[in-house]
Amino acid sequence: MTVYRLAVRHAQLMLFALLVTFLFVITIDRMVGHSSLAFAVAIIILIAANSRMRRFNCSTCGKNLFFRGLLVVPWPNKVCTKCGTDLARQAD
């Protein structure tokens, strides 16, 4: 499986984690009222789920697929912005 496909799966996992934590916070809010603890738990879950993001790097130059300059975006590059490698076709 290519590094790009693995990064896409990670982005999909993050979307699912965001949905789950959103529903968790809404549910806690409805059941017991506003709770900062629910937000803290949601943030910890999202940080833990996103910790794998640093592993998705170009095999040629090492640039991360999710970084665009100083910004981090939610969808990976198909082509490396540093060296031009086609990441969707290159096997890991």
PDB file of N, CA and C in Angstrom:
ATOM      1  N   MET A   1       0.852  -1.178   0.000  1.00  0.00           N
ATOM      2  CA  MET A   1       0.000   0.000   0.000  1.00  0.00           C
ATOM      3  C   MET A   1       0.899   1.243   0.000  1.00  0.00           C
ATOM      4  N   THR A   2       0.520   2.238  -0.777  1.00  0.00           N
ATOM      5  CA  THR A   2       1.342   3.439  -0.882  1.00  0.00           C
ATOM      6  C   THR A   2       1.218   4.299   0.370  1.00  0.00           C
ATOM      7  N   VAL A   3       2.219   5.139   0.579  1.00  0.00           N
ATOM      8  CA  VAL A   3       2.204   6.050   1.724  1.00  0.00           C
ATOM      9  C   VAL A   3       1.021   7.019   1.604  1.00  0.00           C
ATOM     10  N   TYR A   4       0.679   7.391   0.370  1.00  0.00           N
ATOM     11  CA  TYR A   4      -0.472   8.275   0.168  1.00  0.00           C
ATOM     12  C   TYR A   4      -1.763   7.587   0.616  1.00  0.00           C
ATOM     13  N   ARG A   5      -1.951   6.332   0.253  1.00  0.00           N
ATOM     14  CA  ARG A   5      -3.173   5.606   0.636  1.00  0.00           C
ATOM     15  C   ARG A   5      -3.242   5.450   2.162  1.00  0.00           C
ATOM     16  N   LEU A   6      -2.122   5.188   2.791  1.00  0.00           N
ATOM     17  CA  LEU A   6      -2.094   5.096   4.259  1.00  0.00           C
ATOM     18  C   LEU A   6      -2.451   6.444   4.892  1.00  0.00           C
ATOM     19  N   ALA A   7      -1.960   7.523   4.299  1.00  0.00           N
ATOM     20  CA  ALA A   7      -2.263   8.862   4.810  1.00  0.00           C
ATOM     21  C   ALA A   7      -3.739   9.196   4.618  1.00  0.00           C
ATOM     22  N   VAL A   8      -4.331   8.761   3.509  1.00  0.00           N
ATOM     23  CA  VAL A   8      -5.765   8.967   3.281  1.00  0.00           C
ATOM     24  C   VAL A   8      -6.573   8.209   4.332  1.00  0.00           C
ATOM     25  N   ARG A   9      -6.160   6.989   4.644  1.00  0.00           N
ATOM     26  CA  ARG A   9      -6.852   6.218   5.685  1.00  0.00           C
ATOM     27  C   ARG A   9      -6.755   6.920   7.036  1.00  0.00           C
ATOM     28  N   HIS A  10      -5.605   7.531   7.304  1.00  0.00           N
ATOM     29  CA  HIS A  10      -5.449   8.291   8.546  1.00  0.00           C
ATOM     30  C   HIS A  10      -6.392   9.492   8.557  1.00  0.00           C
ATOM     31  N   ALA A  11      -6.507  10.194   7.438  1.00  0.00           N
ATOM     32  CA  ALA A  11      -7.410  11.344   7.350  1.00  0.00           C
ATOM     33  C   ALA A  11      -8.861  10.902   7.570  1.00  0.00           C
ATOM     34  N   GLN A  12      -9.229   9.758   7.029  1.00  0.00           N
ATOM     35  CA  GLN A  12     -10.578   9.228   7.239  1.00  0.00           C
ATOM     36  C   GLN A  12     -10.798   8.855   8.700  1.00  0.00           C
ATOM     37  N   LEU A  13      -9.790   8.267   9.328  1.00  0.00           N
ATOM     38  CA  LEU A  13      -9.870   7.946  10.756  1.00  0.00           C
ATOM     39  C   LEU A  13     -10.057   9.211  11.586  1.00  0.00           C
ATOM     40  N   MET A  14      -9.341  10.269  11.219  1.00  0.00           N
ATOM     41  CA  MET A  14      -9.468  11.525  11.957  1.00  0.00           C
ATOM     42  C   MET A  14     -10.860  12.133  11.792  1.00  0.00           C
ATOM     43  N   LEU A  15     -11.437  12.013  10.617  1.00  0.00           N
ATOM     44  CA  LEU A  15     -12.799  12.492  10.401  1.00  0.00           C
ATOM     45  C   LEU A  15     -13.783  11.719  11.275  1.00  0.00           C
ATOM     46  N   PHE A  16     -13.596  10.404  11.348  1.00  0.00           N
ATOM     47  CA  PHE A  16     -14.442   9.577  12.203  1.00  0.00           C
ATOM     48  C   PHE A  16     -14.248   9.943  13.677  1.00  0.00           C
ATOM     49  N   ALA A  17     -13.004  10.138  14.098  1.00  0.00           N
ATOM     50  CA  ALA A  17     -12.730  10.505  15.493  1.00  0.00           C
ATOM     51  C   ALA A  17     -13.342  11.852  15.830  1.00  0.00           C
ATOM     52  N   LEU A  18     -13.301  12.786  14.895  1.00  0.00           N
ATOM     53  CA  LEU A  18     -13.916  14.092  15.108  1.00  0.00           C
ATOM     54  C   LEU A  18     -15.428  13.960  15.285  1.00  0.00           C
ATOM     55  N   LEU A  19     -16.052  13.130  14.462  1.00  0.00           N
ATOM     56  CA  LEU A  19     -17.490  12.899  14.574  1.00  0.00           C
ATOM     57  C   LEU A  19     -17.840  12.256  15.922  1.00  0.00           C
ATOM     58  N   VAL A  20     -17.075  11.254  16.324  1.00  0.00           N
ATOM     59  CA  VAL A  20     -17.333  10.566  17.591  1.00  0.00           C
ATOM     60  C   VAL A  20     -17.170  11.513  18.774  1.00  0.00           C
ATOM     61  N   THR A  21     -16.111  12.316  18.772  1.00  0.00           N
ATOM     62  CA  THR A  21     -15.908  13.229  19.899  1.00  0.00           C
ATOM     63  C   THR A  21     -16.962  14.326  19.924  1.00  0.00           C
ATOM     64  N   PHE A  22     -17.396  14.782  18.746  1.00  0.00           N
ATOM     65  CA  PHE A  22     -18.469  15.772  18.675  1.00  0.00           C
ATOM     66  C   PHE A  22     -19.751  15.199  19.284  1.00  0.00           C
ATOM     67  N   LEU A  23     -20.101  13.979  18.896  1.00  0.00           N
ATOM     68  CA  LEU A  23     -21.304  13.344  19.452  1.00  0.00           C
ATOM     69  C   LEU A  23     -21.156  13.086  20.951  1.00  0.00           C
ATOM     70  N   PHE A  24     -19.950  12.742  21.389  1.00  0.00           N
ATOM     71  CA  PHE A  24     -19.696  12.526  22.809  1.00  0.00           C
ATOM     72  C   PHE A  24     -19.943  13.800  23.606  1.00  0.00           C
ATOM     73  N   VAL A  25     -19.408  14.925  23.132  1.00  0.00           N
ATOM     74  CA  VAL A  25     -19.586  16.197  23.841  1.00  0.00           C
ATOM     75  C   VAL A  25     -21.052  16.609  23.851  1.00  0.00           C
ATOM     76  N   ILE A  26     -21.745  16.446  22.732  1.00  0.00           N
ATOM     77  CA  ILE A  26     -23.175  16.792  22.670  1.00  0.00           C
ATOM     78  C   ILE A  26     -23.976  15.916  23.621  1.00  0.00           C
ATOM     79  N   THR A  27     -23.673  14.629  23.664  1.00  0.00           N
ATOM     80  CA  THR A  27     -24.392  13.708  24.549  1.00  0.00           C
ATOM     81  C   THR A  27     -24.185  14.068  26.010  1.00  0.00           C
ATOM     82  N   ILE A  28     -22.941  14.314  26.400  1.00  0.00           N
ATOM     83  CA  ILE A  28     -22.655  14.701  27.788  1.00  0.00           C
ATOM     84  C   ILE A  28     -23.342  16.019  28.117  1.00  0.00           C
ATOM     85  N   ASP A  29     -23.331  16.955  27.175  1.00  0.00           N
ATOM     86  CA  ASP A  29     -23.977  18.250  27.381  1.00  0.00           C
ATOM     87  C   ASP A  29     -25.482  18.081  27.618  1.00  0.00           C
ATOM     88  N   ARG A  30     -26.104  17.187  26.883  1.00  0.00           N
ATOM     89  CA  ARG A  30     -27.550  16.944  27.052  1.00  0.00           C
ATOM     90  C   ARG A  30     -27.865  16.211  28.352  1.00  0.00           C
ATOM     91  N   MET A  31     -26.968  15.299  28.751  1.00  0.00           N
ATOM     92  CA  MET A  31     -27.247  14.477  29.935  1.00  0.00           C
ATOM     93  C   MET A  31     -26.984  15.213  31.241  1.00  0.00           C
ATOM     94  N   VAL A  32     -25.851  15.901  31.342  1.00  0.00           N
ATOM     95  CA  VAL A  32     -25.475  16.502  32.628  1.00  0.00           C
ATOM     96  C   VAL A  32     -25.247  17.999  32.559  1.00  0.00           C
ATOM     97  N   GLY A  33     -25.458  18.601  31.411  1.00  0.00           N
ATOM     98  CA  GLY A  33     -25.196  20.025  31.272  1.00  0.00           C
ATOM     99  C   GLY A  33     -23.776  20.266  30.795  1.00  0.00           C
ATOM    100  N   HIS A  34     -23.422  21.522  30.687  1.00  0.00           N
ATOM    101  CA  HIS A  34     -22.100  21.879  30.178  1.00  0.00           C
ATOM    102  C   HIS A  34     -21.007  21.329  31.085  1.00  0.00           C
ATOM    103  N   SER A  35     -20.048  20.649  30.459  1.00  0.00           N
ATOM    104  CA  SER A  35     -18.968  20.053  31.230  1.00  0.00           C
ATOM    105  C   SER A  35     -17.639  20.280  30.518  1.00  0.00           C
ATOM    106  N   SER A  36     -16.718  20.909  31.199  1.00  0.00           N
ATOM    107  CA  SER A  36     -15.384  21.103  30.632  1.00  0.00           C
ATOM    108  C   SER A  36     -14.637  19.781  30.542  1.00  0.00           C
ATOM    109  N   LEU A  37     -15.004  18.838  31.383  1.00  0.00           N
ATOM    110  CA  LEU A  37     -14.371  17.528  31.360  1.00  0.00           C
ATOM    111  C   LEU A  37     -14.638  16.808  30.038  1.00  0.00           C
ATOM    112  N   ALA A  38     -15.844  16.955  29.496  1.00  0.00           N
ATOM    113  CA  ALA A  38     -16.172  16.330  28.213  1.00  0.00           C
ATOM    114  C   ALA A  38     -15.294  16.903  27.104  1.00  0.00           C
ATOM    115  N   PHE A  39     -15.072  18.210  27.110  1.00  0.00           N
ATOM    116  CA  PHE A  39     -14.191  18.824  26.115  1.00  0.00           C
ATOM    117  C   PHE A  39     -12.754  18.341  26.293  1.00  0.00           C
ATOM    118  N   ALA A  40     -12.313  18.203  27.517  1.00  0.00           N
ATOM    119  CA  ALA A  40     -10.947  17.727  27.779  1.00  0.00           C
ATOM    120  C   ALA A  40     -10.761  16.302  27.266  1.00  0.00           C
ATOM    121  N   VAL A  41     -11.740  15.450  27.512  1.00  0.00           N
ATOM    122  CA  VAL A  41     -11.669  14.065  27.029  1.00  0.00           C
ATOM    123  C   VAL A  41     -11.645  14.047  25.500  1.00  0.00           C
ATOM    124  N   ALA A  42     -12.480  14.871  24.872  1.00  0.00           N
ATOM    125  CA  ALA A  42     -12.520  14.934  23.407  1.00  0.00           C
ATOM    126  C   ALA A  42     -11.178  15.389  22.840  1.00  0.00           C
ATOM    127  N   ILE A  43     -10.573  16.375  23.452  1.00  0.00           N
ATOM    128  CA  ILE A  43      -9.277  16.870  22.979  1.00  0.00           C
ATOM    129  C   ILE A  43      -8.205  15.797  23.121  1.00  0.00           C
ATOM    130  N   ILE A  44      -8.194  15.087  24.226  1.00  0.00           N
ATOM    131  CA  ILE A  44      -7.210  14.023  24.436  1.00  0.00           C
ATOM    132  C   ILE A  44      -7.387  12.915  23.398  1.00  0.00           C
ATOM    133  N   ILE A  45      -8.632  12.544  23.105  1.00  0.00           N
ATOM    134  CA  ILE A  45      -8.895  11.511  22.100  1.00  0.00           C
ATOM    135  C   ILE A  45      -8.398  11.961  20.725  1.00  0.00           C
ATOM    136  N   LEU A  46      -8.666  13.210  20.356  1.00  0.00           N
ATOM    137  CA  LEU A  46      -8.237  13.710  19.048  1.00  0.00           C
ATOM    138  C   LEU A  46      -6.711  13.812  18.940  1.00  0.00           C
ATOM    139  N   ILE A  47      -6.062  14.232  20.002  1.00  0.00           N
ATOM    140  CA  ILE A  47      -4.597  14.305  19.985  1.00  0.00           C
ATOM    141  C   ILE A  47      -3.994  12.905  19.867  1.00  0.00           C
ATOM    142  N   ALA A  48      -4.543  11.955  20.611  1.00  0.00           N
ATOM    143  CA  ALA A  48      -4.037  10.575  20.544  1.00  0.00           C
ATOM    144  C   ALA A  48      -4.257   9.976  19.153  1.00  0.00           C
ATOM    145  N   ALA A  49      -5.422  10.220  18.562  1.00  0.00           N
ATOM    146  CA  ALA A  49      -5.709   9.671  17.235  1.00  0.00           C
ATOM    147  C   ALA A  49      -4.820  10.311  16.170  1.00  0.00           C
ATOM    148  N   ASN A  50      -4.457  11.563  16.347  1.00  0.00           N
ATOM    149  CA  ASN A  50      -3.666  12.269  15.341  1.00  0.00           C
ATOM    150  C   ASN A  50      -2.160  12.120  15.537  1.00  0.00           C
ATOM    151  N   SER A  51      -1.732  11.433  16.553  1.00  0.00           N
ATOM    152  CA  SER A  51      -0.295  11.310  16.815  1.00  0.00           C
ATOM    153  C   SER A  51       0.433  10.547  15.707  1.00  0.00           C
ATOM    154  N   ARG A  52      -0.275   9.739  14.930  1.00  0.00           N
ATOM    155  CA  ARG A  52       0.348   8.987  13.835  1.00  0.00           C
ATOM    156  C   ARG A  52       0.675   9.858  12.627  1.00  0.00           C
ATOM    157  N   MET A  53       0.151  11.076  12.577  1.00  0.00           N
ATOM    158  CA  MET A  53       0.315  11.932  11.405  1.00  0.00           C
ATOM    159  C   MET A  53       1.785  12.158  11.031  1.00  0.00           C
ATOM    160  N   ARG A  54       2.655  12.170  12.007  1.00  0.00           N
ATOM    161  CA  ARG A  54       4.074  12.430  11.751  1.00  0.00           C
ATOM    162  C   ARG A  54       4.765  11.309  10.988  1.00  0.00           C
ATOM    163  N   ARG A  55       4.132  10.160  10.843  1.00  0.00           N
ATOM    164  CA  ARG A  55       4.734   9.005  10.168  1.00  0.00           C
ATOM    165  C   ARG A  55       4.582   9.027   8.651  1.00  0.00           C
ATOM    166  N   PHE A  56       3.738   9.885   8.120  1.00  0.00           N
ATOM    167  CA  PHE A  56       3.446   9.880   6.690  1.00  0.00           C
ATOM    168  C   PHE A  56       4.340  10.869   5.967  1.00  0.00           C
ATOM    169  N   ASN A  57       5.518  10.394   5.580  1.00  0.00           N
ATOM    170  CA  ASN A  57       6.535  11.233   4.954  1.00  0.00           C
ATOM    171  C   ASN A  57       6.895  10.698   3.573  1.00  0.00           C
ATOM    172  N   CYS A  58       7.347  11.593   2.713  1.00  0.00           N
ATOM    173  CA  CYS A  58       7.837  11.216   1.388  1.00  0.00           C
ATOM    174  C   CYS A  58       9.053  10.311   1.573  1.00  0.00           C
ATOM    175  N   SER A  59       9.079   9.194   0.859  1.00  0.00           N
ATOM    176  CA  SER A  59      10.205   8.262   1.004  1.00  0.00           C
ATOM    177  C   SER A  59      11.471   8.785   0.334  1.00  0.00           C
ATOM    178  N   THR A  60      11.339   9.775  -0.552  1.00  0.00           N
ATOM    179  CA  THR A  60      12.502  10.338  -1.234  1.00  0.00           C
ATOM    180  C   THR A  60      13.182  11.432  -0.406  1.00  0.00           C
ATOM    181  N   CYS A  61      12.395  12.411   0.044  1.00  0.00           N
ATOM    182  CA  CYS A  61      13.004  13.563   0.729  1.00  0.00           C
ATOM    183  C   CYS A  61      12.620  13.691   2.205  1.00  0.00           C
ATOM    184  N   GLY A  62      11.588  12.972   2.641  1.00  0.00           N
ATOM    185  CA  GLY A  62      11.203  12.992   4.046  1.00  0.00           C
ATOM    186  C   GLY A  62      10.182  14.051   4.434  1.00  0.00           C
ATOM    187  N   LYS A  63       9.650  14.815   3.468  1.00  0.00           N
ATOM    188  CA  LYS A  63       8.656  15.848   3.778  1.00  0.00           C
ATOM    189  C   LYS A  63       7.322  15.193   4.121  1.00  0.00           C
ATOM    190  N   ASN A  64       6.670  15.716   5.131  1.00  0.00           N
ATOM    191  CA  ASN A  64       5.388  15.180   5.577  1.00  0.00           C
ATOM    192  C   ASN A  64       4.290  15.506   4.570  1.00  0.00           C
ATOM    193  N   LEU A  65       3.391  14.553   4.340  1.00  0.00           N
ATOM    194  CA  LEU A  65       2.327  14.708   3.350  1.00  0.00           C
ATOM    195  C   LEU A  65       1.255  15.694   3.776  1.00  0.00           C
ATOM    196  N   PHE A  66       1.114  15.949   5.063  1.00  0.00           N
ATOM    197  CA  PHE A  66       0.047  16.818   5.559  1.00  0.00           C
ATOM    198  C   PHE A  66       0.481  18.276   5.717  1.00  0.00           C
ATOM    199  N   PHE A  67       1.767  18.562   5.636  1.00  0.00           N
ATOM    200  CA  PHE A  67       2.250  19.924   5.841  1.00  0.00           C
ATOM    201  C   PHE A  67       2.337  20.668   4.515  1.00  0.00           C
ATOM    202  N   ARG A  68       1.835  21.905   4.516  1.00  0.00           N
ATOM    203  CA  ARG A  68       1.980  22.807   3.378  1.00  0.00           C
ATOM    204  C   ARG A  68       2.684  24.047   3.912  1.00  0.00           C
ATOM    205  N   GLY A  69       3.986  24.062   3.827  1.00  0.00           N
ATOM    206  CA  GLY A  69       4.756  25.135   4.452  1.00  0.00           C
ATOM    207  C   GLY A  69       4.668  24.998   5.957  1.00  0.00           C
ATOM    208  N   LEU A  70       4.185  26.035   6.632  1.00  0.00           N
ATOM    209  CA  LEU A  70       4.017  25.975   8.086  1.00  0.00           C
ATOM    210  C   LEU A  70       2.638  25.471   8.493  1.00  0.00           C
ATOM    211  N   LEU A  71       1.733  25.341   7.528  1.00  0.00           N
ATOM    212  CA  LEU A  71       0.362  24.928   7.824  1.00  0.00           C
ATOM    213  C   LEU A  71       0.195  23.420   7.748  1.00  0.00           C
ATOM    214  N   VAL A  72      -0.692  22.902   8.579  1.00  0.00           N
ATOM    215  CA  VAL A  72      -1.079  21.498   8.528  1.00  0.00           C
ATOM    216  C   VAL A  72      -2.494  21.449   7.990  1.00  0.00           C
ATOM    217  N   VAL A  73      -2.708  20.640   6.956  1.00  0.00           N
ATOM    218  CA  VAL A  73      -4.023  20.524   6.348  1.00  0.00           C
ATOM    219  C   VAL A  73      -4.574  19.122   6.575  1.00  0.00           C
ATOM    220  N   PRO A  74      -5.904  18.945   6.480  1.00  0.00           N
ATOM    221  CA  PRO A  74      -6.489  17.648   6.813  1.00  0.00           C
ATOM    222  C   PRO A  74      -6.389  16.591   5.724  1.00  0.00           C
ATOM    223  N   TRP A  75      -5.902  16.928   4.532  1.00  0.00           N
ATOM    224  CA  TRP A  75      -5.816  15.930   3.471  1.00  0.00           C
ATOM    225  C   TRP A  75      -4.387  15.880   2.924  1.00  0.00           C
ATOM    226  N   PRO A  76      -3.831  14.685   2.686  1.00  0.00           N
ATOM    227  CA  PRO A  76      -2.430  14.569   2.258  1.00  0.00           C
ATOM    228  C   PRO A  76      -2.208  14.951   0.789  1.00  0.00           C
ATOM    229  N   ASN A  77      -0.973  15.291   0.468  1.00  0.00           N
ATOM    230  CA  ASN A  77      -0.568  15.568  -0.910  1.00  0.00           C
ATOM    231  C   ASN A  77      -0.425  14.272  -1.695  1.00  0.00           C
ATOM    232  N   LYS A  78      -0.835  14.284  -2.962  1.00  0.00           N
ATOM    233  CA  LYS A  78      -0.571  13.145  -3.844  1.00  0.00           C
ATOM    234  C   LYS A  78       0.838  13.237  -4.423  1.00  0.00           C
ATOM    235  N   VAL A  79       1.309  14.465  -4.592  1.00  0.00           N
ATOM    236  CA  VAL A  79       2.644  14.716  -5.136  1.00  0.00           C
ATOM    237  C   VAL A  79       3.406  15.534  -4.099  1.00  0.00           C
ATOM    238  N   CYS A  80       4.617  15.100  -3.801  1.00  0.00           N
ATOM    239  CA  CYS A  80       5.448  15.803  -2.820  1.00  0.00           C
ATOM    240  C   CYS A  80       5.725  17.224  -3.293  1.00  0.00           C
ATOM    241  N   THR A  81       5.486  18.192  -2.424  1.00  0.00           N
ATOM    242  CA  THR A  81       5.703  19.587  -2.783  1.00  0.00           C
ATOM    243  C   THR A  81       7.181  19.973  -2.757  1.00  0.00           C
ATOM    244  N   LYS A  82       8.009  19.136  -2.173  1.00  0.00           N
ATOM    245  CA  LYS A  82       9.447  19.454  -2.096  1.00  0.00           C
ATOM    246  C   LYS A  82      10.221  18.845  -3.265  1.00  0.00           C
ATOM    247  N   CYS A  83      10.014  17.545  -3.545  1.00  0.00           N
ATOM    248  CA  CYS A  83      10.815  16.878  -4.578  1.00  0.00           C
ATOM    249  C   CYS A  83      10.009  16.458  -5.807  1.00  0.00           C
ATOM    250  N   GLY A  84       8.673  16.533  -5.752  1.00  0.00           N
ATOM    251  CA  GLY A  84       7.843  16.203  -6.897  1.00  0.00           C
ATOM    252  C   GLY A  84       7.551  14.724  -7.087  1.00  0.00           C
ATOM    253  N   THR A  85       7.879  13.885  -6.128  1.00  0.00           N
ATOM    254  CA  THR A  85       7.610  12.455  -6.222  1.00  0.00           C
ATOM    255  C   THR A  85       6.109  12.202  -6.209  1.00  0.00           C
ATOM    256  N   ASP A  86       5.642  11.316  -7.087  1.00  0.00           N
ATOM    257  CA  ASP A  86       4.228  10.937  -7.125  1.00  0.00           C
ATOM    258  C   ASP A  86       3.985   9.930  -6.006  1.00  0.00           C
ATOM    259  N   LEU A  87       3.406  10.373  -4.919  1.00  0.00           N
ATOM    260  CA  LEU A  87       3.241   9.545  -3.729  1.00  0.00           C
ATOM    261  C   LEU A  87       2.092   8.559  -3.861  1.00  0.00           C
ATOM    262  N   ALA A  88       1.158   8.818  -4.772  1.00  0.00           N
ATOM    263  CA  ALA A  88       0.019   7.922  -4.962  1.00  0.00           C
ATOM    264  C   ALA A  88       0.442   6.663  -5.717  1.00  0.00           C
ATOM    265  N   ARG A  89       1.557   6.705  -6.418  1.00  0.00           N
ATOM    266  CA  ARG A  89       2.018   5.548  -7.196  1.00  0.00           C
ATOM    267  C   ARG A  89       3.231   4.856  -6.595  1.00  0.00           C
ATOM    268  N   GLN A  90       3.949   5.556  -5.756  1.00  0.00           N
ATOM    269  CA  GLN A  90       5.188   4.996  -5.208  1.00  0.00           C
ATOM    270  C   GLN A  90       4.878   4.054  -4.048  1.00  0.00           C
ATOM    271  N   ALA A  91       5.319   2.820  -4.146  1.00  0.00           N
ATOM    272  CA  ALA A  91       5.114   1.842  -3.066  1.00  0.00           C
ATOM    273  C   ALA A  91       6.015   2.183  -1.899  1.00  0.00           C
ATOM    274  N   ASP A  92       5.556   1.837  -0.717  1.00  0.00           N
ATOM    275  CA  ASP A  92       6.308   2.143   0.498  1.00  0.00           C
ATOM    276  C   ASP A  92       7.499   1.241   0.685  1.00  0.00           C
TER     277      ASP A  92
END
